[in-house]
Amino acid sequence: MGQDAQGSHDRAVEELSFKEASIELEHIVRGLESGELELEESLKNYERGVELLSSLRERLSTAEQQVEQLLETHSSASAIDTTSAPSQAFIDE
């Protein structure tokens, strides 16, 4: 693993940004797929990967909920009754 991945490996998952966690998870997957790690290191990395994946999924779910709320708020704002507003013809006079 590169120094960046190892450096983030020492930090708590909650302290990592989404991007940092994604990059670290990608490095872990590559390391596990390479088959070059010792069993103990593979297990340690696998455990860290599970933590990262869980955190990333939770963050993504939270972001999706926020987007849905924003879309609902925007839809509600767009649906405001404008029938009592002056017509464009009246404004142009």
Protein backbone atom coordinates (compact mmCIF):
# COMPACT_ATOMS: atom_id res chain seq x y z
CA MET A 1 0.00 0.00 0.00
CA GLY A 2 1.13 3.53 -0.68
CA GLN A 3 1.95 5.98 2.06
CA ASP A 4 -1.35 7.85 1.67
CA ALA A 5 -3.38 4.68 2.15
CA GLN A 6 -1.26 3.61 5.11
CA GLY A 7 -1.53 7.06 6.67
CA SER A 8 -5.31 7.02 6.48
CA HIS A 9 -5.32 3.43 7.77
CA ASP A 10 -4.05 4.80 11.09
CA ARG A 11 -7.00 7.22 11.38
CA ALA A 12 -10.48 6.38 12.61
CA VAL A 13 -12.94 5.77 9.78
CA GLU A 14 -15.16 8.63 11.03
CA GLU A 15 -12.26 11.08 10.60
CA LEU A 16 -11.84 10.28 6.91
CA SER A 17 -13.61 12.21 4.19
CA PHE A 18 -15.78 10.19 1.82
CA LYS A 19 -13.08 10.42 -0.83
CA GLU A 20 -10.29 9.35 1.55
CA ALA A 21 -12.34 6.37 2.74
CA SER A 22 -13.12 5.38 -0.86
CA ILE A 23 -9.46 5.55 -1.85
CA GLU A 24 -8.36 3.55 1.18
CA LEU A 25 -11.01 0.89 0.46
CA GLU A 26 -9.82 0.68 -3.14
CA HIS A 27 -6.22 0.15 -1.96
CA ILE A 28 -7.35 -2.55 0.45
CA VAL A 29 -9.29 -4.38 -2.26
CA ARG A 30 -6.28 -4.25 -4.61
CA GLY A 31 -4.01 -5.56 -1.85
CA LEU A 32 -6.36 -8.42 -1.04
CA GLU A 33 -6.79 -9.30 -4.71
CA SER A 34 -3.04 -9.35 -5.26
CA GLY A 35 -2.67 -12.37 -2.99
CA GLU A 36 0.70 -11.06 -1.80
CA LEU A 37 -0.34 -10.25 1.79
CA GLU A 38 0.25 -12.51 4.75
CA LEU A 39 -2.87 -14.07 6.27
CA GLU A 40 -2.80 -11.84 9.36
CA GLU A 41 -2.42 -8.69 7.30
CA SER A 42 -5.18 -9.82 4.94
CA LEU A 43 -7.57 -10.35 7.87
CA LYS A 44 -6.66 -6.98 9.37
CA ASN A 45 -7.18 -5.25 6.02
CA TYR A 46 -10.43 -7.12 5.40
CA GLU A 47 -11.78 -5.95 8.76
CA ARG A 48 -10.78 -2.36 7.98
CA GLY A 49 -12.40 -2.69 4.55
CA VAL A 50 -15.68 -3.82 6.11
CA GLU A 51 -15.61 -0.78 8.42
CA LEU A 52 -14.90 1.55 5.50
CA LEU A 53 -17.62 0.01 3.32
CA SER A 54 -20.18 0.29 6.10
CA SER A 55 -19.28 3.94 6.69
CA LEU A 56 -19.37 4.76 2.97
CA ARG A 57 -22.78 3.13 2.52
CA GLU A 58 -24.17 5.01 5.52
CA ARG A 59 -22.81 8.33 4.26
CA LEU A 60 -24.17 7.70 0.78
CA SER A 61 -27.59 6.82 2.18
CA THR A 62 -27.60 10.03 4.24
CA ALA A 63 -26.63 12.07 1.18
CA GLU A 64 -29.39 10.43 -0.88
CA GLN A 65 -31.95 11.29 1.81
CA GLN A 66 -30.75 14.90 1.84
CA VAL A 67 -31.10 15.11 -1.95
CA GLU A 68 -34.61 13.64 -1.76
CA GLN A 69 -35.57 16.22 0.88
CA LEU A 70 -34.17 19.03 -1.25
CA LEU A 71 -36.08 17.77 -4.29
CA GLU A 72 -39.28 17.55 -2.26
CA THR A 73 -38.75 21.06 -0.91
CA HIS A 74 -38.07 22.35 -4.42
CA SER A 75 -41.17 20.57 -5.77
CA SER A 76 -43.29 22.09 -3.02
CA ALA A 77 -41.91 25.55 -3.74
CA SER A 78 -42.61 25.12 -7.46
CA ALA A 79 -46.18 24.11 -6.74
CA ILE A 80 -47.04 27.37 -4.94
CA ASP A 81 -50.37 28.80 -6.10
CA THR A 82 -49.66 31.83 -8.27
CA THR A 83 -53.26 32.47 -9.35
CA SER A 84 -53.46 35.54 -7.10
CA ALA A 85 -50.29 37.01 -8.60
CA PRO A 86 -50.68 39.79 -11.15
CA SER A 87 -50.68 38.63 -14.74
CA GLN A 88 -47.75 39.42 -17.01
CA ALA A 89 -50.03 41.64 -19.11
CA PHE A 90 -50.81 43.78 -16.07
CA ILE A 91 -47.13 44.08 -15.18
CA ASP A 92 -46.20 45.14 -18.71
CA GLU A 93 -48.72 48.01 -18.73
